[in-house]
Amino acid sequence: MLSHPFRRRARGWRPGLAALAASLYAACAGAADPASAEAGRVLFTKTAAPACAVCHTLADAGATGAIGPNLDELKPDANRVAQAVRNGIGVMPAFESLSDADVQTLAEYVANATGAQ
């Protein structure tokens, strides 16, 4: 059977396309580097006052708080987390003592840990 030239070319570029798709998926999934994830985990469990873990459930942080929403179920994106941390929401206070960089690290950590991104 004769092979069509396009089929030969298509087979040749599929592995490259698969690698590109995998890297785009990782970028879109918000894969955090381990150092950033650990910094976010520390902010969530210890640094923020009061610690987020006191009120919220988040499996990645080993947190089982029952006052605020279960973040594993809610799966908030980073923008939603940052807005809640900066401004407060419901009974949750604004965390004015956290720097903008800390808020962003915390927000990205929660979004990545819950699979929101």
PDB file of N, CA and C in Angstrom:
ATOM      1  N   MET A   1       0.840  -1.181   0.000  1.00  0.00           N
ATOM      2  CA  MET A   1       0.000   0.000   0.000  1.00  0.00           C
ATOM      3  C   MET A   1       0.882   1.241   0.000  1.00  0.00           C
ATOM      4  N   LEU A   2       0.540   2.175  -0.854  1.00  0.00           N
ATOM      5  CA  LEU A   2       1.317   3.405  -0.941  1.00  0.00           C
ATOM      6  C   LEU A   2       0.975   4.322   0.216  1.00  0.00           C
ATOM      7  N   SER A   3       1.983   4.985   0.722  1.00  0.00           N
ATOM      8  CA  SER A   3       1.796   5.899   1.833  1.00  0.00           C
ATOM      9  C   SER A   3       1.630   7.317   1.302  1.00  0.00           C
ATOM     10  N   HIS A   4       0.710   8.015   1.840  1.00  0.00           N
ATOM     11  CA  HIS A   4       0.481   9.403   1.464  1.00  0.00           C
ATOM     12  C   HIS A   4       1.545  10.263   2.148  1.00  0.00           C
ATOM     13  N   PRO A   5       2.123  11.250   1.474  1.00  0.00           N
ATOM     14  CA  PRO A   5       3.177  12.080   2.069  1.00  0.00           C
ATOM     15  C   PRO A   5       2.729  12.794   3.346  1.00  0.00           C
ATOM     16  N   PHE A   6       1.482  13.223   3.373  1.00  0.00           N
ATOM     17  CA  PHE A   6       1.014  13.926   4.574  1.00  0.00           C
ATOM     18  C   PHE A   6       1.007  12.984   5.786  1.00  0.00           C
ATOM     19  N   ARG A   7       0.628  11.745   5.565  1.00  0.00           N
ATOM     20  CA  ARG A   7       0.597  10.789   6.675  1.00  0.00           C
ATOM     21  C   ARG A   7       1.982  10.594   7.266  1.00  0.00           C
ATOM     22  N   ARG A   8       2.992  10.545   6.414  1.00  0.00           N
ATOM     23  CA  ARG A   8       4.350  10.390   6.933  1.00  0.00           C
ATOM     24  C   ARG A   8       4.744  11.604   7.763  1.00  0.00           C
ATOM     25  N   ARG A   9       4.443  12.775   7.261  1.00  0.00           N
ATOM     26  CA  ARG A   9       4.757  13.990   8.004  1.00  0.00           C
ATOM     27  C   ARG A   9       3.967  14.057   9.302  1.00  0.00           C
ATOM     28  N   ALA A  10       2.702  13.685   9.252  1.00  0.00           N
ATOM     29  CA  ALA A  10       1.867  13.757  10.448  1.00  0.00           C
ATOM     30  C   ALA A  10       2.434  12.873  11.549  1.00  0.00           C
ATOM     31  N   ARG A  11       2.885  11.684  11.178  1.00  0.00           N
ATOM     32  CA  ARG A  11       3.458  10.801  12.190  1.00  0.00           C
ATOM     33  C   ARG A  11       4.715  11.418  12.794  1.00  0.00           C
ATOM     34  N   GLY A  12       5.484  12.134  11.973  1.00  0.00           N
ATOM     35  CA  GLY A  12       6.727  12.712  12.438  1.00  0.00           C
ATOM     36  C   GLY A  12       6.541  13.843  13.426  1.00  0.00           C
ATOM     37  N   TRP A  13       5.437  14.582  13.327  1.00  0.00           N
ATOM     38  CA  TRP A  13       5.281  15.722  14.232  1.00  0.00           C
ATOM     39  C   TRP A  13       4.365  15.440  15.407  1.00  0.00           C
ATOM     40  N   ARG A  14       3.736  14.303  15.457  1.00  0.00           N
ATOM     41  CA  ARG A  14       2.851  14.002  16.584  1.00  0.00           C
ATOM     42  C   ARG A  14       3.558  14.010  17.937  1.00  0.00           C
ATOM     43  N   PRO A  15       4.736  13.398  18.079  1.00  0.00           N
ATOM     44  CA  PRO A  15       5.391  13.457  19.385  1.00  0.00           C
ATOM     45  C   PRO A  15       5.675  14.899  19.823  1.00  0.00           C
ATOM     46  N   GLY A  16       6.067  15.751  18.890  1.00  0.00           N
ATOM     47  CA  GLY A  16       6.302  17.150  19.217  1.00  0.00           C
ATOM     48  C   GLY A  16       5.024  17.842  19.641  1.00  0.00           C
ATOM     49  N   LEU A  17       3.935  17.517  18.980  1.00  0.00           N
ATOM     50  CA  LEU A  17       2.644  18.085  19.335  1.00  0.00           C
ATOM     51  C   LEU A  17       2.220  17.604  20.717  1.00  0.00           C
ATOM     52  N   ALA A  18       2.462  16.351  21.017  1.00  0.00           N
ATOM     53  CA  ALA A  18       2.113  15.814  22.330  1.00  0.00           C
ATOM     54  C   ALA A  18       2.912  16.518  23.432  1.00  0.00           C
ATOM     55  N   ALA A  19       4.189  16.762  23.191  1.00  0.00           N
ATOM     56  CA  ALA A  19       5.013  17.460  24.182  1.00  0.00           C
ATOM     57  C   ALA A  19       4.522  18.894  24.384  1.00  0.00           C
ATOM     58  N   LEU A  20       4.158  19.556  23.284  1.00  0.00           N
ATOM     59  CA  LEU A  20       3.627  20.912  23.376  1.00  0.00           C
ATOM     60  C   LEU A  20       2.321  20.923  24.163  1.00  0.00           C
ATOM     61  N   ALA A  21       1.445  19.975  23.872  1.00  0.00           N
ATOM     62  CA  ALA A  21       0.176  19.901  24.583  1.00  0.00           C
ATOM     63  C   ALA A  21       0.399  19.654  26.072  1.00  0.00           C
ATOM     64  N   ALA A  22       1.346  18.789  26.405  1.00  0.00           N
ATOM     65  CA  ALA A  22       1.630  18.507  27.816  1.00  0.00           C
ATOM     66  C   ALA A  22       2.156  19.746  28.530  1.00  0.00           C
ATOM     67  N   SER A  23       3.029  20.509  27.874  1.00  0.00           N
ATOM     68  CA  SER A  23       3.563  21.706  28.526  1.00  0.00           C
ATOM     69  C   SER A  23       2.486  22.780  28.661  1.00  0.00           C
ATOM     70  N   LEU A  24       1.608  22.901  27.675  1.00  0.00           N
ATOM     71  CA  LEU A  24       0.507  23.862  27.779  1.00  0.00           C
ATOM     72  C   LEU A  24      -0.462  23.455  28.886  1.00  0.00           C
ATOM     73  N   TYR A  25      -0.722  22.153  29.007  1.00  0.00           N
ATOM     74  CA  TYR A  25      -1.603  21.678  30.069  1.00  0.00           C
ATOM     75  C   TYR A  25      -1.011  22.016  31.431  1.00  0.00           C
ATOM     76  N   ALA A  26       0.281  21.768  31.611  1.00  0.00           N
ATOM     77  CA  ALA A  26       0.932  22.066  32.895  1.00  0.00           C
ATOM     78  C   ALA A  26       0.844  23.556  33.208  1.00  0.00           C
ATOM     79  N   ALA A  27       1.035  24.391  32.193  1.00  0.00           N
ATOM     80  CA  ALA A  27       0.965  25.839  32.407  1.00  0.00           C
ATOM     81  C   ALA A  27      -0.455  26.261  32.758  1.00  0.00           C
ATOM     82  N   CYS A  28      -1.434  25.715  32.048  1.00  0.00           N
ATOM     83  CA  CYS A  28      -2.827  26.079  32.311  1.00  0.00           C
ATOM     84  C   CYS A  28      -3.324  25.492  33.619  1.00  0.00           C
ATOM     85  N   ALA A  29      -2.796  24.353  34.006  1.00  0.00           N
ATOM     86  CA  ALA A  29      -3.221  23.725  35.251  1.00  0.00           C
ATOM     87  C   ALA A  29      -2.639  24.446  36.451  1.00  0.00           C
ATOM     88  N   GLY A  30      -1.738  25.397  36.204  1.00  0.00           N
ATOM     89  CA  GLY A  30      -1.199  26.179  37.295  1.00  0.00           C
ATOM     90  C   GLY A  30      -0.224  25.405  38.159  1.00  0.00           C
ATOM     91  N   ALA A  31       0.500  24.495  37.542  1.00  0.00           N
ATOM     92  CA  ALA A  31       1.458  23.691  38.295  1.00  0.00           C
ATOM     93  C   ALA A  31       2.456  24.609  38.981  1.00  0.00           C
ATOM     94  N   ALA A  32       2.422  24.598  40.286  1.00  0.00           N
ATOM     95  CA  ALA A  32       3.297  25.473  41.069  1.00  0.00           C
ATOM     96  C   ALA A  32       4.614  24.773  41.348  1.00  0.00           C
ATOM     97  N   ASP A  33       5.670  25.565  41.437  1.00  0.00           N
ATOM     98  CA  ASP A  33       6.946  24.972  41.811  1.00  0.00           C
ATOM     99  C   ASP A  33       6.874  24.609  43.291  1.00  0.00           C
ATOM    100  N   PRO A  34       7.644  23.609  43.721  1.00  0.00           N
ATOM    101  CA  PRO A  34       7.567  23.140  45.111  1.00  0.00           C
ATOM    102  C   PRO A  34       7.825  24.230  46.155  1.00  0.00           C
ATOM    103  N   ALA A  35       8.755  25.131  45.895  1.00  0.00           N
ATOM    104  CA  ALA A  35       9.058  26.190  46.867  1.00  0.00           C
ATOM    105  C   ALA A  35       7.869  27.125  47.044  1.00  0.00           C
ATOM    106  N   SER A  36       7.212  27.481  45.952  1.00  0.00           N
ATOM    107  CA  SER A  36       6.048  28.356  46.018  1.00  0.00           C
ATOM    108  C   SER A  36       4.892  27.654  46.726  1.00  0.00           C
ATOM    109  N   ALA A  37       4.710  26.369  46.431  1.00  0.00           N
ATOM    110  CA  ALA A  37       3.648  25.608  47.088  1.00  0.00           C
ATOM    111  C   ALA A  37       3.898  25.532  48.591  1.00  0.00           C
ATOM    112  N   GLU A  38       5.125  25.309  48.981  1.00  0.00           N
ATOM    113  CA  GLU A  38       5.445  25.231  50.416  1.00  0.00           C
ATOM    114  C   GLU A  38       5.250  26.589  51.087  1.00  0.00           C
ATOM    115  N   ALA A  39       5.635  27.664  50.415  1.00  0.00           N
ATOM    116  CA  ALA A  39       5.429  29.006  50.972  1.00  0.00           C
ATOM    117  C   ALA A  39       3.937  29.272  51.167  1.00  0.00           C
ATOM    118  N   GLY A  40       3.120  28.879  50.203  1.00  0.00           N
ATOM    119  CA  GLY A  40       1.675  29.044  50.322  1.00  0.00           C
ATOM    120  C   GLY A  40       1.101  28.199  51.446  1.00  0.00           C
ATOM    121  N   ARG A  41       1.598  26.967  51.580  1.00  0.00           N
ATOM    122  CA  ARG A  41       1.141  26.074  52.649  1.00  0.00           C
ATOM    123  C   ARG A  41       1.456  26.676  54.034  1.00  0.00           C
ATOM    124  N   VAL A  42       2.654  27.249  54.181  1.00  0.00           N
ATOM    125  CA  VAL A  42       3.041  27.874  55.452  1.00  0.00           C
ATOM    126  C   VAL A  42       2.149  29.085  55.734  1.00  0.00           C
ATOM    127  N   LEU A  43       1.878  29.889  54.726  1.00  0.00           N
ATOM    128  CA  LEU A  43       0.968  31.023  54.908  1.00  0.00           C
ATOM    129  C   LEU A  43      -0.405  30.532  55.355  1.00  0.00           C
ATOM    130  N   PHE A  44      -0.893  29.487  54.738  1.00  0.00           N
ATOM    131  CA  PHE A  44      -2.227  28.947  55.028  1.00  0.00           C
ATOM    132  C   PHE A  44      -2.313  28.361  56.430  1.00  0.00           C
ATOM    133  N   THR A  45      -1.267  27.670  56.852  1.00  0.00           N
ATOM    134  CA  THR A  45      -1.333  26.946  58.127  1.00  0.00           C
ATOM    135  C   THR A  45      -0.768  27.700  59.317  1.00  0.00           C
ATOM    136  N   LYS A  46       0.149  28.674  59.072  1.00  0.00           N
ATOM    137  CA  LYS A  46       0.840  29.299  60.197  1.00  0.00           C
ATOM    138  C   LYS A  46       0.911  30.824  60.166  1.00  0.00           C
ATOM    139  N   THR A  47       1.302  31.392  59.036  1.00  0.00           N
ATOM    140  CA  THR A  47       1.663  32.808  58.985  1.00  0.00           C
ATOM    141  C   THR A  47       0.483  33.758  59.088  1.00  0.00           C
ATOM    142  N   ALA A  48      -0.569  33.488  58.326  1.00  0.00           N
ATOM    143  CA  ALA A  48      -1.743  34.371  58.385  1.00  0.00           C
ATOM    144  C   ALA A  48      -2.305  34.332  59.802  1.00  0.00           C
ATOM    145  N   ALA A  49      -2.746  35.479  60.294  1.00  0.00           N
ATOM    146  CA  ALA A  49      -3.268  35.533  61.661  1.00  0.00           C
ATOM    147  C   ALA A  49      -4.700  36.033  61.651  1.00  0.00           C
ATOM    148  N   PRO A  50      -5.690  35.205  61.942  1.00  0.00           N
ATOM    149  CA  PRO A  50      -5.560  33.797  62.289  1.00  0.00           C
ATOM    150  C   PRO A  50      -5.254  32.961  61.052  1.00  0.00           C
ATOM    151  N   ALA A  51      -4.680  31.792  61.279  1.00  0.00           N
ATOM    152  CA  ALA A  51      -4.321  30.907  60.167  1.00  0.00           C
ATOM    153  C   ALA A  51      -5.576  30.464  59.423  1.00  0.00           C
ATOM    154  N   CYS A  52      -5.471  30.397  58.117  1.00  0.00           N
ATOM    155  CA  CYS A  52      -6.599  29.976  57.277  1.00  0.00           C
ATOM    156  C   CYS A  52      -7.104  28.596  57.692  1.00  0.00           C
ATOM    157  N   ALA A  53      -6.156  27.743  58.125  1.00  0.00           N
ATOM    158  CA  ALA A  53      -6.477  26.366  58.493  1.00  0.00           C
ATOM    159  C   ALA A  53      -7.410  26.276  59.700  1.00  0.00           C
ATOM    160  N   VAL A  54      -7.487  27.330  60.486  1.00  0.00           N
ATOM    161  CA  VAL A  54      -8.385  27.329  61.643  1.00  0.00           C
ATOM    162  C   VAL A  54      -9.837  27.237  61.177  1.00  0.00           C
ATOM    163  N   CYS A  55     -10.151  27.885  60.075  1.00  0.00           N
ATOM    164  CA  CYS A  55     -11.534  27.971  59.606  1.00  0.00           C
ATOM    165  C   CYS A  55     -11.847  27.099  58.395  1.00  0.00           C
ATOM    166  N   HIS A  56     -10.860  26.835  57.548  1.00  0.00           N
ATOM    167  CA  HIS A  56     -11.113  26.170  56.272  1.00  0.00           C
ATOM    168  C   HIS A  56     -10.540  24.764  56.218  1.00  0.00           C
ATOM    169  N   THR A  57     -11.233  23.894  55.496  1.00  0.00           N
ATOM    170  CA  THR A  57     -10.730  22.563  55.177  1.00  0.00           C
ATOM    171  C   THR A  57      -9.967  22.657  53.858  1.00  0.00           C
ATOM    172  N   LEU A  58      -8.753  22.126  53.862  1.00  0.00           N
ATOM    173  CA  LEU A  58      -7.932  22.033  52.661  1.00  0.00           C
ATOM    174  C   LEU A  58      -7.021  20.826  52.848  1.00  0.00           C
ATOM    175  N   ALA A  59      -7.296  19.764  52.121  1.00  0.00           N
ATOM    176  CA  ALA A  59      -6.587  18.496  52.295  1.00  0.00           C
ATOM    177  C   ALA A  59      -5.080  18.648  52.149  1.00  0.00           C
ATOM    178  N   ASP A  60      -4.622  19.401  51.163  1.00  0.00           N
ATOM    179  CA  ASP A  60      -3.185  19.547  50.915  1.00  0.00           C
ATOM    180  C   ASP A  60      -2.462  20.138  52.128  1.00  0.00           C
ATOM    181  N   ALA A  61      -3.151  20.956  52.899  1.00  0.00           N
ATOM    182  CA  ALA A  61      -2.556  21.586  54.078  1.00  0.00           C
ATOM    183  C   ALA A  61      -2.838  20.793  55.357  1.00  0.00           C
ATOM    184  N   GLY A  62      -3.581  19.703  55.249  1.00  0.00           N
ATOM    185  CA  GLY A  62      -3.957  18.939  56.429  1.00  0.00           C
ATOM    186  C   GLY A  62      -4.926  19.694  57.317  1.00  0.00           C
ATOM    187  N   ALA A  63      -5.667  20.613  56.739  1.00  0.00           N
ATOM    188  CA  ALA A  63      -6.577  21.478  57.497  1.00  0.00           C
ATOM    189  C   ALA A  63      -7.994  20.921  57.463  1.00  0.00           C
ATOM    190  N   THR A  64      -8.647  20.957  58.619  1.00  0.00           N
ATOM    191  CA  THR A  64     -10.011  20.442  58.720  1.00  0.00           C
ATOM    192  C   THR A  64     -10.952  21.438  59.395  1.00  0.00           C
ATOM    193  N   GLY A  65     -10.696  22.720  59.221  1.00  0.00           N
ATOM    194  CA  GLY A  65     -11.556  23.742  59.807  1.00  0.00           C
ATOM    195  C   GLY A  65     -12.973  23.630  59.278  1.00  0.00           C
ATOM    196  N   ALA A  66     -13.939  23.947  60.121  1.00  0.00           N
ATOM    197  CA  ALA A  66     -15.346  23.790  59.732  1.00  0.00           C
ATOM    198  C   ALA A  66     -16.141  25.088  59.819  1.00  0.00           C
ATOM    199  N   ILE A  67     -15.475  26.218  60.055  1.00  0.00           N
ATOM    200  CA  ILE A  67     -16.180  27.489  60.163  1.00  0.00           C
ATOM    201  C   ILE A  67     -16.444  28.080  58.779  1.00  0.00           C
ATOM    202  N   GLY A  68     -15.393  28.126  57.960  1.00  0.00           N
ATOM    203  CA  GLY A  68     -15.516  28.660  56.609  1.00  0.00           C
ATOM    204  C   GLY A  68     -15.777  27.546  55.616  1.00  0.00           C
ATOM    205  N   PRO A  69     -15.917  27.896  54.355  1.00  0.00           N
ATOM    206  CA  PRO A  69     -16.183  26.891  53.333  1.00  0.00           C
ATOM    207  C   PRO A  69     -15.042  25.877  53.203  1.00  0.00           C
ATOM    208  N   ASN A  70     -15.409  24.669  52.813  1.00  0.00           N
ATOM    209  CA  ASN A  70     -14.445  23.628  52.492  1.00  0.00           C
ATOM    210  C   ASN A  70     -13.852  24.000  51.135  1.00  0.00           C
ATOM    211  N   LEU A  71     -12.586  24.368  51.124  1.00  0.00           N
ATOM    212  CA  LEU A  71     -11.961  24.853  49.888  1.00  0.00           C
ATOM    213  C   LEU A  71     -11.757  23.731  48.869  1.00  0.00           C
ATOM    214  N   ASP A  72     -11.619  22.497  49.329  1.00  0.00           N
ATOM    215  CA  ASP A  72     -11.510  21.368  48.397  1.00  0.00           C
ATOM    216  C   ASP A  72     -12.791  21.210  47.588  1.00  0.00           C
ATOM    217  N   GLU A  73     -13.913  21.525  48.179  1.00  0.00           N
ATOM    218  CA  GLU A  73     -15.194  21.447  47.469  1.00  0.00           C
ATOM    219  C   GLU A  73     -15.473  22.706  46.661  1.00  0.00           C
ATOM    220  N   LEU A  74     -15.147  23.857  47.225  1.00  0.00           N
ATOM    221  CA  LEU A  74     -15.418  25.135  46.561  1.00  0.00           C
ATOM    222  C   LEU A  74     -14.526  25.359  45.342  1.00  0.00           C
ATOM    223  N   LYS A  75     -13.261  24.950  45.441  1.00  0.00           N
ATOM    224  CA  LYS A  75     -12.276  25.102  44.363  1.00  0.00           C
ATOM    225  C   LYS A  75     -12.204  26.538  43.816  1.00  0.00           C
ATOM    226  N   PRO A  76     -11.933  27.507  44.686  1.00  0.00           N
ATOM    227  CA  PRO A  76     -11.879  28.892  44.209  1.00  0.00           C
ATOM    228  C   PRO A  76     -10.625  29.142  43.369  1.00  0.00           C
ATOM    229  N   ASP A  77     -10.754  29.977  42.343  1.00  0.00           N
ATOM    230  CA  ASP A  77      -9.559  30.319  41.565  1.00  0.00           C
ATOM    231  C   ASP A  77      -8.739  31.348  42.340  1.00  0.00           C
ATOM    232  N   ALA A  78      -7.533  31.599  41.869  1.00  0.00           N
ATOM    233  CA  ALA A  78      -6.603  32.479  42.586  1.00  0.00           C
ATOM    234  C   ALA A  78      -7.169  33.892  42.760  1.00  0.00           C
ATOM    235  N   ASN A  79      -7.862  34.415  41.764  1.00  0.00           N
ATOM    236  CA  ASN A  79      -8.432  35.763  41.878  1.00  0.00           C
ATOM    237  C   ASN A  79      -9.479  35.834  42.981  1.00  0.00           C
ATOM    238  N   ARG A  80     -10.294  34.802  43.079  1.00  0.00           N
ATOM    239  CA  ARG A  80     -11.343  34.784  44.108  1.00  0.00           C
ATOM    240  C   ARG A  80     -10.721  34.711  45.506  1.00  0.00           C
ATOM    241  N   VAL A  81      -9.699  33.867  45.653  1.00  0.00           N
ATOM    242  CA  VAL A  81      -9.017  33.756  46.949  1.00  0.00           C
ATOM    243  C   VAL A  81      -8.380  35.092  47.318  1.00  0.00           C
ATOM    244  N   ALA A  82      -7.658  35.690  46.382  1.00  0.00           N
ATOM    245  CA  ALA A  82      -6.979  36.966  46.664  1.00  0.00           C
ATOM    246  C   ALA A  82      -7.974  38.040  47.068  1.00  0.00           C
ATOM    247  N   GLN A  83      -9.093  38.104  46.393  1.00  0.00           N
ATOM    248  CA  GLN A  83     -10.110  39.109  46.718  1.00  0.00           C
ATOM    249  C   GLN A  83     -10.667  38.878  48.126  1.00  0.00           C
ATOM    250  N   ALA A  84     -10.941  37.618  48.479  1.00  0.00           N
ATOM    251  CA  ALA A  84     -11.470  37.317  49.813  1.00  0.00           C
ATOM    252  C   ALA A  84     -10.441  37.639  50.893  1.00  0.00           C
ATOM    253  N   VAL A  85      -9.164  37.330  50.630  1.00  0.00           N
ATOM    254  CA  VAL A  85      -8.118  37.589  51.625  1.00  0.00           C
ATOM    255  C   VAL A  85      -7.905  39.086  51.803  1.00  0.00           C
ATOM    256  N   ARG A  86      -7.909  39.837  50.706  1.00  0.00           N
ATOM    257  CA  ARG A  86      -7.674  41.284  50.789  1.00  0.00           C
ATOM    258  C   ARG A  86      -8.852  42.047  51.402  1.00  0.00           C
ATOM    259  N   ASN A  87     -10.070  41.643  51.039  1.00  0.00           N
ATOM    260  CA  ASN A  87     -11.255  42.421  51.413  1.00  0.00           C
ATOM    261  C   ASN A  87     -12.121  41.786  52.486  1.00  0.00           C
ATOM    262  N   GLY A  88     -11.909  40.523  52.764  1.00  0.00           N
ATOM    263  CA  GLY A  88     -12.800  39.793  53.653  1.00  0.00           C
ATOM    264  C   GLY A  88     -14.068  39.427  52.903  1.00  0.00           C
ATOM    265  N   ILE A  89     -14.811  38.483  53.448  1.00  0.00           N
ATOM    266  CA  ILE A  89     -16.075  38.071  52.834  1.00  0.00           C
ATOM    267  C   ILE A  89     -16.911  37.376  53.909  1.00  0.00           C
ATOM    268  N   GLY A  90     -18.155  37.773  54.048  1.00  0.00           N
ATOM    269  CA  GLY A  90     -18.986  37.208  55.115  1.00  0.00           C
ATOM    270  C   GLY A  90     -18.354  37.484  56.471  1.00  0.00           C
ATOM    271  N   VAL A  91     -18.163  36.433  57.277  1.00  0.00           N
ATOM    272  CA  VAL A  91     -17.542  36.597  58.594  1.00  0.00           C
ATOM    273  C   VAL A  91     -16.018  36.570  58.515  1.00  0.00           C
ATOM    274  N   MET A  92     -15.481  36.280  57.349  1.00  0.00           N
ATOM    275  CA  MET A  92     -14.024  36.255  57.182  1.00  0.00           C
ATOM    276  C   MET A  92     -13.478  37.674  57.138  1.00  0.00           C
ATOM    277  N   PRO A  93     -12.489  37.968  57.991  1.00  0.00           N
ATOM    278  CA  PRO A  93     -11.926  39.323  57.995  1.00  0.00           C
ATOM    279  C   PRO A  93     -10.959  39.530  56.831  1.00  0.00           C
ATOM    280  N   ALA A  94     -10.670  40.780  56.541  1.00  0.00           N
ATOM    281  CA  ALA A  94      -9.606  41.107  55.583  1.00  0.00           C
ATOM    282  C   ALA A  94      -8.267  40.883  56.284  1.00  0.00           C
ATOM    283  N   PHE A  95      -7.319  40.337  55.574  1.00  0.00           N
ATOM    284  CA  PHE A  95      -5.992  40.076  56.145  1.00  0.00           C
ATOM    285  C   PHE A  95      -5.043  41.182  55.708  1.00  0.00           C
ATOM    286  N   GLU A  96      -5.173  42.334  56.327  1.00  0.00           N
ATOM    287  CA  GLU A  96      -4.410  43.521  55.960  1.00  0.00           C
ATOM    288  C   GLU A  96      -2.931  43.398  56.300  1.00  0.00           C
ATOM    289  N   SER A  97      -2.591  42.473  57.197  1.00  0.00           N
ATOM    290  CA  SER A  97      -1.190  42.313  57.590  1.00  0.00           C
ATOM    291  C   SER A  97      -0.367  41.547  56.547  1.00  0.00           C
ATOM    292  N   LEU A  98      -1.021  40.909  55.585  1.00  0.00           N
ATOM    293  CA  LEU A  98      -0.289  40.177  54.547  1.00  0.00           C
ATOM    294  C   LEU A  98       0.099  41.122  53.413  1.00  0.00           C
ATOM    295  N   SER A  99       1.320  40.973  52.942  1.00  0.00           N
ATOM    296  CA  SER A  99       1.775  41.772  51.794  1.00  0.00           C
ATOM    297  C   SER A  99       1.066  41.307  50.532  1.00  0.00           C
ATOM    298  N   ASP A 100       1.128  42.125  49.488  1.00  0.00           N
ATOM    299  CA  ASP A 100       0.538  41.735  48.198  1.00  0.00           C
ATOM    300  C   ASP A 100       1.172  40.444  47.680  1.00  0.00           C
ATOM    301  N   ALA A 101       2.484  40.311  47.869  1.00  0.00           N
ATOM    302  CA  ALA A 101       3.182  39.094  47.424  1.00  0.00           C
ATOM    303  C   ALA A 101       2.685  37.876  48.207  1.00  0.00           C
ATOM    304  N   ASP A 102       2.480  38.030  49.514  1.00  0.00           N
ATOM    305  CA  ASP A 102       1.968  36.923  50.329  1.00  0.00           C
ATOM    306  C   ASP A 102       0.552  36.550  49.907  1.00  0.00           C
ATOM    307  N   VAL A 103      -0.280  37.542  49.654  1.00  0.00           N
ATOM    308  CA  VAL A 103      -1.651  37.271  49.216  1.00  0.00           C
ATOM    309  C   VAL A 103      -1.630  36.496  47.911  1.00  0.00           C
ATOM    310  N   GLN A 104      -0.775  36.904  46.976  1.00  0.00           N
ATOM    311  CA  GLN A 104      -0.700  36.214  45.689  1.00  0.00           C
ATOM    312  C   GLN A 104      -0.189  34.788  45.861  1.00  0.00           C
ATOM    313  N   THR A 105       0.828  34.598  46.690  1.00  0.00           N
ATOM    314  CA  THR A 105       1.364  33.253  46.948  1.00  0.00           C
ATOM    315  C   THR A 105       0.290  32.368  47.566  1.00  0.00           C
ATOM    316  N   LEU A 106      -0.414  32.893  48.548  1.00  0.00           N
ATOM    317  CA  LEU A 106      -1.483  32.155  49.209  1.00  0.00           C
ATOM    318  C   LEU A 106      -2.608  31.812  48.234  1.00  0.00           C
ATOM    319  N   ALA A 107      -3.014  32.780  47.427  1.00  0.00           N
ATOM    320  CA  ALA A 107      -4.099  32.573  46.468  1.00  0.00           C
ATOM    321  C   ALA A 107      -3.735  31.508  45.435  1.00  0.00           C
ATOM    322  N   GLU A 108      -2.522  31.571  44.914  1.00  0.00           N
ATOM    323  CA  GLU A 108      -2.092  30.576  43.933  1.00  0.00           C
ATOM    324  C   GLU A 108      -1.978  29.197  44.573  1.00  0.00           C
ATOM    325  N   TYR A 109      -1.515  29.147  45.819  1.00  0.00           N
ATOM    326  CA  TYR A 109      -1.411  27.867  46.521  1.00  0.00           C
ATOM    327  C   TYR A 109      -2.792  27.223  46.657  1.00  0.00           C
ATOM    328  N   VAL A 110      -3.769  27.973  47.144  1.00  0.00           N
ATOM    329  CA  VAL A 110      -5.117  27.417  47.335  1.00  0.00           C
ATOM    330  C   VAL A 110      -5.698  26.963  46.003  1.00  0.00           C
ATOM    331  N   ALA A 111      -5.576  27.788  44.980  1.00  0.00           N
ATOM    332  CA  ALA A 111      -6.121  27.422  43.664  1.00  0.00           C
ATOM    333  C   ALA A 111      -5.451  26.160  43.124  1.00  0.00           C
ATOM    334  N   ASN A 112      -4.146  26.069  43.243  1.00  0.00           N
ATOM    335  CA  ASN A 112      -3.441  24.876  42.767  1.00  0.00           C
ATOM    336  C   ASN A 112      -3.757  23.652  43.609  1.00  0.00           C
ATOM    337  N   ALA A 113      -3.825  23.819  44.918  1.00  0.00           N
ATOM    338  CA  ALA A 113      -4.084  22.688  45.818  1.00  0.00           C
ATOM    339  C   ALA A 113      -5.478  22.107  45.606  1.00  0.00           C
ATOM    340  N   THR A 114      -6.418  22.933  45.193  1.00  0.00           N
ATOM    341  CA  THR A 114      -7.785  22.455  44.975  1.00  0.00           C
ATOM    342  C   THR A 114      -8.045  22.047  43.537  1.00  0.00           C
ATOM    343  N   GLY A 115      -7.080  22.311  42.660  1.00  0.00           N
ATOM    344  CA  GLY A 115      -7.264  21.971  41.251  1.00  0.00           C
ATOM    345  C   GLY A 115      -8.120  22.965  40.503  1.00  0.00           C
ATOM    346  N   ALA A 116      -8.254  24.168  41.045  1.00  0.00           N
ATOM    347  CA  ALA A 116      -9.112  25.178  40.416  1.00  0.00           C
ATOM    348  C   ALA A 116      -8.539  25.722  39.132  1.00  0.00           C
ATOM    349  N   GLN A 117      -7.212  25.754  39.002  1.00  0.00           N
ATOM    350  CA  GLN A 117      -6.623  26.368  37.809  1.00  0.00           C
ATOM    351  C   GLN A 117      -6.363  25.375  36.734  1.00  0.00           C
TER     352      GLN A 117
END
